[in-house]
Protein backbone atom coordinates (compact mmCIF):
# COMPACT_ATOMS: atom_id res chain seq x y z
CA UNK A 1 0.00 0.00 0.00
CA UNK A 2 1.36 3.40 -0.99
CA UNK A 3 0.14 6.84 -0.05
CA UNK A 4 0.56 10.24 -1.66
CA UNK A 5 -0.11 13.52 0.15
CA UNK A 6 -0.10 16.99 -1.30
CA UNK A 7 -1.11 20.45 -0.12
CA UNK A 8 -1.16 23.86 -1.72
CA UNK A 9 -2.27 27.31 -0.62
CA UNK A 10 -4.61 28.92 -3.13
CA UNK A 11 -5.46 32.66 -3.21
CA UNK A 12 -9.18 31.92 -3.55
CA UNK A 13 -12.14 31.32 -1.26
CA UNK A 14 -12.98 27.72 -0.40
CA UNK A 15 -16.47 28.27 -1.85
CA UNK A 16 -15.07 29.34 -5.23
CA UNK A 17 -12.61 26.42 -5.39
CA UNK A 18 -15.44 24.06 -4.42
CA UNK A 19 -17.61 25.46 -7.21
CA UNK A 20 -14.86 24.83 -9.76
CA UNK A 21 -14.27 21.28 -8.51
CA UNK A 22 -18.01 20.53 -8.82
CA UNK A 23 -18.13 21.98 -12.35
CA UNK A 24 -17.08 18.82 -14.20
CA UNK A 25 -17.30 20.50 -17.61
CA UNK A 26 -14.37 22.69 -16.51
CA UNK A 27 -12.05 19.86 -15.39
CA UNK A 28 -10.51 19.73 -18.87
CA UNK A 29 -9.59 23.43 -18.55
CA UNK A 30 -7.08 22.73 -15.78
CA UNK A 31 -6.51 18.95 -15.81
CA UNK A 32 -5.09 18.09 -19.24
CA UNK A 33 -5.15 14.33 -18.63
CA UNK A 34 -8.94 14.43 -18.17
CA UNK A 35 -11.03 14.13 -21.31
CA UNK A 36 -14.40 14.28 -19.57
CA UNK A 37 -16.35 13.38 -16.45
CA UNK A 38 -19.70 11.58 -16.70
CA UNK A 39 -22.08 11.60 -13.74
CA UNK A 40 -23.56 8.10 -13.59
CA UNK A 41 -25.62 8.73 -10.45
CA UNK A 42 -25.94 12.20 -8.87
CA UNK A 43 -26.16 11.19 -5.22
CA UNK A 44 -28.00 13.40 -2.73
CA UNK A 45 -28.23 17.21 -2.73
CA UNK A 46 -24.64 17.44 -1.39
CA UNK A 47 -23.42 14.78 -3.88
CA UNK A 48 -22.97 12.08 -1.23
CA UNK A 49 -23.26 8.81 -3.10
CA UNK A 50 -22.38 10.42 -6.43
CA UNK A 51 -20.97 7.95 -8.93
CA UNK A 52 -18.81 9.49 -11.64
CA UNK A 53 -16.74 8.11 -14.47
CA UNK A 54 -13.55 10.01 -15.26
CA UNK A 55 -12.24 9.45 -18.79
CA UNK A 56 -8.53 10.24 -19.01
CA UNK A 57 -5.70 10.21 -21.51
CA UNK A 58 -3.14 7.44 -21.46
CA UNK A 59 0.14 7.02 -23.33
CA UNK A 60 0.12 6.14 -27.03
CA UNK A 61 -3.21 7.91 -27.64
CA UNK A 62 -5.19 5.46 -25.54
CA UNK A 63 -8.01 6.28 -23.13
CA UNK A 64 -8.66 4.96 -19.66
CA UNK A 65 -11.53 5.37 -17.24
CA UNK A 66 -11.99 5.41 -13.50
CA UNK A 67 -15.28 4.80 -11.73
CA UNK A 68 -15.36 6.95 -8.58
CA UNK A 69 -17.83 6.88 -5.69
CA UNK A 70 -18.00 10.19 -3.78
CA UNK A 71 -18.84 10.02 -0.06
CA UNK A 72 -18.39 11.96 3.20
CA UNK A 73 -19.18 15.22 1.43
CA UNK A 74 -18.95 18.41 3.46
CA UNK A 75 -19.94 21.18 1.03
CA UNK A 76 -17.15 23.72 0.48
CA UNK A 77 -14.83 21.66 2.74
CA UNK A 78 -14.17 18.28 1.17
CA UNK A 79 -15.07 14.74 0.29
CA UNK A 80 -13.78 11.19 0.04
CA UNK A 81 -13.70 9.30 -3.22
CA UNK A 82 -13.18 5.63 -3.86
CA UNK A 83 -11.86 4.64 -7.26
CA UNK A 84 -13.60 1.31 -7.79
CA UNK A 85 -11.47 -1.33 -9.45
CA UNK A 86 -12.72 -4.29 -11.40
CA UNK A 87 -10.46 -6.46 -9.25
CA UNK A 88 -10.74 -6.84 -5.47
CA UNK A 89 -7.86 -5.23 -3.60
CA UNK A 90 -7.14 -2.62 -6.26
CA UNK A 91 -9.60 0.06 -5.08
CA UNK A 92 -8.01 3.42 -4.36
CA UNK A 93 -9.25 5.88 -1.80
CA UNK A 94 -8.61 9.60 -1.76
CA UNK A 95 -9.59 12.67 0.20
CA UNK A 96 -9.90 16.28 -0.88
CA UNK A 97 -9.99 18.96 1.83
CA UNK A 98 -10.37 22.73 1.62
CA UNK A 99 -9.32 24.58 4.77
CA UNK A 100 -10.08 28.32 4.74
CA UNK A 101 -7.09 30.37 5.92
CA UNK A 102 -8.72 33.76 5.37
CA UNK A 103 -11.57 35.17 3.29
CA UNK A 104 -9.88 34.54 -0.07
CA UNK A 105 -7.12 32.12 0.86
CA UNK A 106 -7.53 28.35 1.21
CA UNK A 107 -5.29 25.40 1.89
CA UNK A 108 -6.06 22.57 -0.52
CA UNK A 109 -5.13 19.14 0.89
CA UNK A 110 -5.16 15.88 -1.01
CA UNK A 111 -4.24 12.33 -0.15
CA UNK A 112 -4.64 9.08 -2.02
CA UNK A 113 -3.91 5.47 -1.05
CA UNK A 114 -3.34 2.89 -3.72
CA UNK A 115 -2.12 -0.64 -4.11
CA UNK A 116 -1.61 -2.32 -7.47
CA UNK A 117 -1.96 -6.07 -7.09
CA UNK A 118 -1.94 -7.13 -10.74
CA UNK A 119 1.22 -8.31 -12.43
CA UNK A 120 3.02 -6.88 -14.41
CA UNK A 121 1.65 -3.48 -13.34
CA UNK A 122 2.86 -4.05 -9.80
CA UNK A 123 6.47 -3.94 -11.04
CA UNK A 124 5.83 -0.46 -12.42
CA UNK A 125 3.75 0.87 -9.53
CA UNK A 126 6.37 3.44 -8.48
CA UNK A 127 6.91 5.04 -11.91
CA UNK A 128 3.19 4.87 -12.77
CA UNK A 129 2.14 6.69 -9.62
CA UNK A 130 4.99 9.21 -9.72
CA UNK A 131 3.64 10.20 -13.15
CA UNK A 132 0.01 10.31 -11.95
CA UNK A 133 0.89 12.18 -8.74
CA UNK A 134 2.91 14.82 -10.60
CA UNK A 135 0.04 15.35 -13.04
CA UNK A 136 -2.48 15.63 -10.18
CA UNK A 137 -0.32 18.22 -8.40
CA UNK A 138 0.19 20.18 -11.63
CA UNK A 139 -3.57 20.10 -12.24
CA UNK A 140 -4.31 21.62 -8.82
CA UNK A 141 -1.81 24.42 -9.45
CA UNK A 142 -3.48 24.98 -12.82
CA UNK A 143 -6.93 25.03 -11.15
CA UNK A 144 -5.73 27.83 -8.89
CA UNK A 145 -4.22 29.68 -11.84
CA UNK A 146 -7.41 29.17 -13.86
CA UNK A 147 -9.42 30.87 -11.10
CA UNK A 148 -6.89 33.73 -11.05
CA UNK A 149 -7.11 34.09 -14.83
CA UNK A 150 -10.94 34.01 -14.79
CA UNK A 151 -12.04 36.45 -12.07
CA UNK A 152 -15.54 36.47 -13.58
CA UNK A 153 -16.01 32.76 -12.72
CA UNK A 154 -18.30 32.62 -9.68
CA UNK A 155 -17.36 36.16 -8.71
CA UNK A 156 -20.27 35.96 -6.25
CA UNK A 157 -18.05 33.65 -4.14
CA UNK A 158 -15.17 36.11 -3.80
CA UNK A 159 -15.13 37.67 -0.35
CA UNK A 160 -14.95 41.45 -0.40
C-alpha atoms as a PDB file:
ATOM      1  CA  UNK A   1       0.000   0.000   0.000  1.00  0.00           C
ATOM      2  CA  UNK A   2       1.363   3.405  -0.992  1.00  0.00           C
ATOM      3  CA  UNK A   3       0.136   6.835  -0.051  1.00  0.00           C
ATOM      4  CA  UNK A   4       0.564  10.243  -1.659  1.00  0.00           C
ATOM      5  CA  UNK A   5      -0.114  13.519   0.152  1.00  0.00           C
ATOM      6  CA  UNK A   6      -0.101  16.995  -1.302  1.00  0.00           C
ATOM      7  CA  UNK A   7      -1.113  20.445  -0.119  1.00  0.00           C
ATOM      8  CA  UNK A   8      -1.161  23.861  -1.717  1.00  0.00           C
ATOM      9  CA  UNK A   9      -2.270  27.313  -0.618  1.00  0.00           C
ATOM     10  CA  UNK A  10      -4.608  28.924  -3.127  1.00  0.00           C
ATOM     11  CA  UNK A  11      -5.457  32.658  -3.211  1.00  0.00           C
ATOM     12  CA  UNK A  12      -9.179  31.916  -3.553  1.00  0.00           C
ATOM     13  CA  UNK A  13     -12.137  31.317  -1.263  1.00  0.00           C
ATOM     14  CA  UNK A  14     -12.979  27.725  -0.400  1.00  0.00           C
ATOM     15  CA  UNK A  15     -16.469  28.266  -1.848  1.00  0.00           C
ATOM     16  CA  UNK A  16     -15.069  29.337  -5.227  1.00  0.00           C
ATOM     17  CA  UNK A  17     -12.608  26.417  -5.391  1.00  0.00           C
ATOM     18  CA  UNK A  18     -15.437  24.059  -4.421  1.00  0.00           C
ATOM     19  CA  UNK A  19     -17.612  25.457  -7.208  1.00  0.00           C
ATOM     20  CA  UNK A  20     -14.857  24.828  -9.764  1.00  0.00           C
ATOM     21  CA  UNK A  21     -14.274  21.280  -8.507  1.00  0.00           C
ATOM     22  CA  UNK A  22     -18.013  20.527  -8.824  1.00  0.00           C
ATOM     23  CA  UNK A  23     -18.126  21.980 -12.354  1.00  0.00           C
ATOM     24  CA  UNK A  24     -17.078  18.818 -14.202  1.00  0.00           C
ATOM     25  CA  UNK A  25     -17.302  20.503 -17.607  1.00  0.00           C
ATOM     26  CA  UNK A  26     -14.372  22.694 -16.510  1.00  0.00           C
ATOM     27  CA  UNK A  27     -12.047  19.862 -15.388  1.00  0.00           C
ATOM     28  CA  UNK A  28     -10.507  19.732 -18.866  1.00  0.00           C
ATOM     29  CA  UNK A  29      -9.587  23.435 -18.546  1.00  0.00           C
ATOM     30  CA  UNK A  30      -7.077  22.728 -15.776  1.00  0.00           C
ATOM     31  CA  UNK A  31      -6.514  18.947 -15.808  1.00  0.00           C
ATOM     32  CA  UNK A  32      -5.091  18.093 -19.244  1.00  0.00           C
ATOM     33  CA  UNK A  33      -5.147  14.327 -18.625  1.00  0.00           C
ATOM     34  CA  UNK A  34      -8.940  14.434 -18.167  1.00  0.00           C
ATOM     35  CA  UNK A  35     -11.028  14.127 -21.311  1.00  0.00           C
ATOM     36  CA  UNK A  36     -14.398  14.283 -19.571  1.00  0.00           C
ATOM     37  CA  UNK A  37     -16.351  13.381 -16.445  1.00  0.00           C
ATOM     38  CA  UNK A  38     -19.696  11.584 -16.701  1.00  0.00           C
ATOM     39  CA  UNK A  39     -22.076  11.604 -13.739  1.00  0.00           C
ATOM     40  CA  UNK A  40     -23.561   8.103 -13.587  1.00  0.00           C
ATOM     41  CA  UNK A  41     -25.617   8.728 -10.446  1.00  0.00           C
ATOM     42  CA  UNK A  42     -25.936  12.203  -8.873  1.00  0.00           C
ATOM     43  CA  UNK A  43     -26.161  11.191  -5.223  1.00  0.00           C
ATOM     44  CA  UNK A  44     -27.998  13.398  -2.733  1.00  0.00           C
ATOM     45  CA  UNK A  45     -28.228  17.206  -2.727  1.00  0.00           C
ATOM     46  CA  UNK A  46     -24.640  17.436  -1.394  1.00  0.00           C
ATOM     47  CA  UNK A  47     -23.419  14.784  -3.882  1.00  0.00           C
ATOM     48  CA  UNK A  48     -22.966  12.075  -1.228  1.00  0.00           C
ATOM     49  CA  UNK A  49     -23.263   8.807  -3.100  1.00  0.00           C
ATOM     50  CA  UNK A  50     -22.378  10.422  -6.431  1.00  0.00           C
ATOM     51  CA  UNK A  51     -20.971   7.953  -8.926  1.00  0.00           C
ATOM     52  CA  UNK A  52     -18.811   9.492 -11.637  1.00  0.00           C
ATOM     53  CA  UNK A  53     -16.736   8.112 -14.473  1.00  0.00           C
ATOM     54  CA  UNK A  54     -13.547  10.011 -15.260  1.00  0.00           C
ATOM     55  CA  UNK A  55     -12.241   9.448 -18.785  1.00  0.00           C
ATOM     56  CA  UNK A  56      -8.531  10.241 -19.010  1.00  0.00           C
ATOM     57  CA  UNK A  57      -5.698  10.214 -21.511  1.00  0.00           C
ATOM     58  CA  UNK A  58      -3.137   7.440 -21.456  1.00  0.00           C
ATOM     59  CA  UNK A  59       0.140   7.016 -23.328  1.00  0.00           C
ATOM     60  CA  UNK A  60       0.118   6.145 -27.034  1.00  0.00           C
ATOM     61  CA  UNK A  61      -3.215   7.910 -27.637  1.00  0.00           C
ATOM     62  CA  UNK A  62      -5.190   5.460 -25.541  1.00  0.00           C
ATOM     63  CA  UNK A  63      -8.012   6.279 -23.130  1.00  0.00           C
ATOM     64  CA  UNK A  64      -8.663   4.963 -19.656  1.00  0.00           C
ATOM     65  CA  UNK A  65     -11.530   5.373 -17.241  1.00  0.00           C
ATOM     66  CA  UNK A  66     -11.988   5.407 -13.498  1.00  0.00           C
ATOM     67  CA  UNK A  67     -15.284   4.800 -11.731  1.00  0.00           C
ATOM     68  CA  UNK A  68     -15.361   6.946  -8.578  1.00  0.00           C
ATOM     69  CA  UNK A  69     -17.825   6.882  -5.690  1.00  0.00           C
ATOM     70  CA  UNK A  70     -18.001  10.188  -3.782  1.00  0.00           C
ATOM     71  CA  UNK A  71     -18.840  10.022  -0.059  1.00  0.00           C
ATOM     72  CA  UNK A  72     -18.386  11.958   3.201  1.00  0.00           C
ATOM     73  CA  UNK A  73     -19.179  15.218   1.428  1.00  0.00           C
ATOM     74  CA  UNK A  74     -18.950  18.411   3.465  1.00  0.00           C
ATOM     75  CA  UNK A  75     -19.938  21.184   1.026  1.00  0.00           C
ATOM     76  CA  UNK A  76     -17.148  23.717   0.481  1.00  0.00           C
ATOM     77  CA  UNK A  77     -14.834  21.663   2.738  1.00  0.00           C
ATOM     78  CA  UNK A  78     -14.165  18.278   1.172  1.00  0.00           C
ATOM     79  CA  UNK A  79     -15.069  14.740   0.293  1.00  0.00           C
ATOM     80  CA  UNK A  80     -13.783  11.190   0.044  1.00  0.00           C
ATOM     81  CA  UNK A  81     -13.699   9.300  -3.223  1.00  0.00           C
ATOM     82  CA  UNK A  82     -13.180   5.626  -3.862  1.00  0.00           C
ATOM     83  CA  UNK A  83     -11.861   4.644  -7.264  1.00  0.00           C
ATOM     84  CA  UNK A  84     -13.605   1.312  -7.786  1.00  0.00           C
ATOM     85  CA  UNK A  85     -11.466  -1.326  -9.450  1.00  0.00           C
ATOM     86  CA  UNK A  86     -12.724  -4.291 -11.403  1.00  0.00           C
ATOM     87  CA  UNK A  87     -10.456  -6.462  -9.252  1.00  0.00           C
ATOM     88  CA  UNK A  88     -10.737  -6.839  -5.468  1.00  0.00           C
ATOM     89  CA  UNK A  89      -7.862  -5.232  -3.595  1.00  0.00           C
ATOM     90  CA  UNK A  90      -7.136  -2.618  -6.262  1.00  0.00           C
ATOM     91  CA  UNK A  91      -9.596   0.064  -5.084  1.00  0.00           C
ATOM     92  CA  UNK A  92      -8.005   3.423  -4.358  1.00  0.00           C
ATOM     93  CA  UNK A  93      -9.245   5.884  -1.796  1.00  0.00           C
ATOM     94  CA  UNK A  94      -8.611   9.602  -1.757  1.00  0.00           C
ATOM     95  CA  UNK A  95      -9.595  12.667   0.202  1.00  0.00           C
ATOM     96  CA  UNK A  96      -9.902  16.279  -0.883  1.00  0.00           C
ATOM     97  CA  UNK A  97      -9.994  18.964   1.827  1.00  0.00           C
ATOM     98  CA  UNK A  98     -10.373  22.726   1.621  1.00  0.00           C
ATOM     99  CA  UNK A  99      -9.319  24.585   4.768  1.00  0.00           C
ATOM    100  CA  UNK A 100     -10.077  28.323   4.740  1.00  0.00           C
ATOM    101  CA  UNK A 101      -7.093  30.365   5.919  1.00  0.00           C
ATOM    102  CA  UNK A 102      -8.716  33.764   5.367  1.00  0.00           C
ATOM    103  CA  UNK A 103     -11.573  35.172   3.292  1.00  0.00           C
ATOM    104  CA  UNK A 104      -9.877  34.539  -0.068  1.00  0.00           C
ATOM    105  CA  UNK A 105      -7.116  32.121   0.864  1.00  0.00           C
ATOM    106  CA  UNK A 106      -7.534  28.351   1.211  1.00  0.00           C
ATOM    107  CA  UNK A 107      -5.286  25.397   1.894  1.00  0.00           C
ATOM    108  CA  UNK A 108      -6.057  22.565  -0.522  1.00  0.00           C
ATOM    109  CA  UNK A 109      -5.127  19.145   0.892  1.00  0.00           C
ATOM    110  CA  UNK A 110      -5.155  15.884  -1.007  1.00  0.00           C
ATOM    111  CA  UNK A 111      -4.241  12.333  -0.149  1.00  0.00           C
ATOM    112  CA  UNK A 112      -4.640   9.081  -2.017  1.00  0.00           C
ATOM    113  CA  UNK A 113      -3.906   5.472  -1.053  1.00  0.00           C
ATOM    114  CA  UNK A 114      -3.340   2.893  -3.721  1.00  0.00           C
ATOM    115  CA  UNK A 115      -2.119  -0.642  -4.111  1.00  0.00           C
ATOM    116  CA  UNK A 116      -1.609  -2.320  -7.468  1.00  0.00           C
ATOM    117  CA  UNK A 117      -1.965  -6.069  -7.086  1.00  0.00           C
ATOM    118  CA  UNK A 118      -1.943  -7.134 -10.742  1.00  0.00           C
ATOM    119  CA  UNK A 119       1.225  -8.307 -12.428  1.00  0.00           C
ATOM    120  CA  UNK A 120       3.024  -6.884 -14.414  1.00  0.00           C
ATOM    121  CA  UNK A 121       1.650  -3.479 -13.342  1.00  0.00           C
ATOM    122  CA  UNK A 122       2.855  -4.048  -9.804  1.00  0.00           C
ATOM    123  CA  UNK A 123       6.470  -3.941 -11.037  1.00  0.00           C
ATOM    124  CA  UNK A 124       5.832  -0.464 -12.423  1.00  0.00           C
ATOM    125  CA  UNK A 125       3.746   0.873  -9.531  1.00  0.00           C
ATOM    126  CA  UNK A 126       6.372   3.443  -8.483  1.00  0.00           C
ATOM    127  CA  UNK A 127       6.909   5.044 -11.913  1.00  0.00           C
ATOM    128  CA  UNK A 128       3.194   4.870 -12.768  1.00  0.00           C
ATOM    129  CA  UNK A 129       2.141   6.687  -9.616  1.00  0.00           C
ATOM    130  CA  UNK A 130       4.991   9.214  -9.724  1.00  0.00           C
ATOM    131  CA  UNK A 131       3.643  10.205 -13.148  1.00  0.00           C
ATOM    132  CA  UNK A 132       0.012  10.313 -11.950  1.00  0.00           C
ATOM    133  CA  UNK A 133       0.885  12.180  -8.743  1.00  0.00           C
ATOM    134  CA  UNK A 134       2.907  14.816 -10.603  1.00  0.00           C
ATOM    135  CA  UNK A 135       0.036  15.354 -13.036  1.00  0.00           C
ATOM    136  CA  UNK A 136      -2.484  15.634 -10.178  1.00  0.00           C
ATOM    137  CA  UNK A 137      -0.316  18.218  -8.402  1.00  0.00           C
ATOM    138  CA  UNK A 138       0.189  20.183 -11.631  1.00  0.00           C
ATOM    139  CA  UNK A 139      -3.574  20.100 -12.244  1.00  0.00           C
ATOM    140  CA  UNK A 140      -4.312  21.616  -8.824  1.00  0.00           C
ATOM    141  CA  UNK A 141      -1.805  24.423  -9.447  1.00  0.00           C
ATOM    142  CA  UNK A 142      -3.481  24.976 -12.821  1.00  0.00           C
ATOM    143  CA  UNK A 143      -6.928  25.034 -11.150  1.00  0.00           C
ATOM    144  CA  UNK A 144      -5.732  27.833  -8.887  1.00  0.00           C
ATOM    145  CA  UNK A 145      -4.219  29.683 -11.843  1.00  0.00           C
ATOM    146  CA  UNK A 146      -7.415  29.165 -13.856  1.00  0.00           C
ATOM    147  CA  UNK A 147      -9.419  30.873 -11.103  1.00  0.00           C
ATOM    148  CA  UNK A 148      -6.894  33.734 -11.045  1.00  0.00           C
ATOM    149  CA  UNK A 149      -7.109  34.088 -14.834  1.00  0.00           C
ATOM    150  CA  UNK A 150     -10.939  34.008 -14.790  1.00  0.00           C
ATOM    151  CA  UNK A 151     -12.039  36.454 -12.066  1.00  0.00           C
ATOM    152  CA  UNK A 152     -15.538  36.467 -13.580  1.00  0.00           C
ATOM    153  CA  UNK A 153     -16.012  32.765 -12.718  1.00  0.00           C
ATOM    154  CA  UNK A 154     -18.298  32.616  -9.684  1.00  0.00           C
ATOM    155  CA  UNK A 155     -17.356  36.165  -8.715  1.00  0.00           C
ATOM    156  CA  UNK A 156     -20.266  35.955  -6.247  1.00  0.00           C
ATOM    157  CA  UNK A 157     -18.054  33.648  -4.143  1.00  0.00           C
ATOM    158  CA  UNK A 158     -15.169  36.114  -3.798  1.00  0.00           C
ATOM    159  CA  UNK A 159     -15.135  37.675  -0.346  1.00  0.00           C
ATOM    160  CA  UNK A 160     -14.947  41.453  -0.405  1.00  0.00           C
END
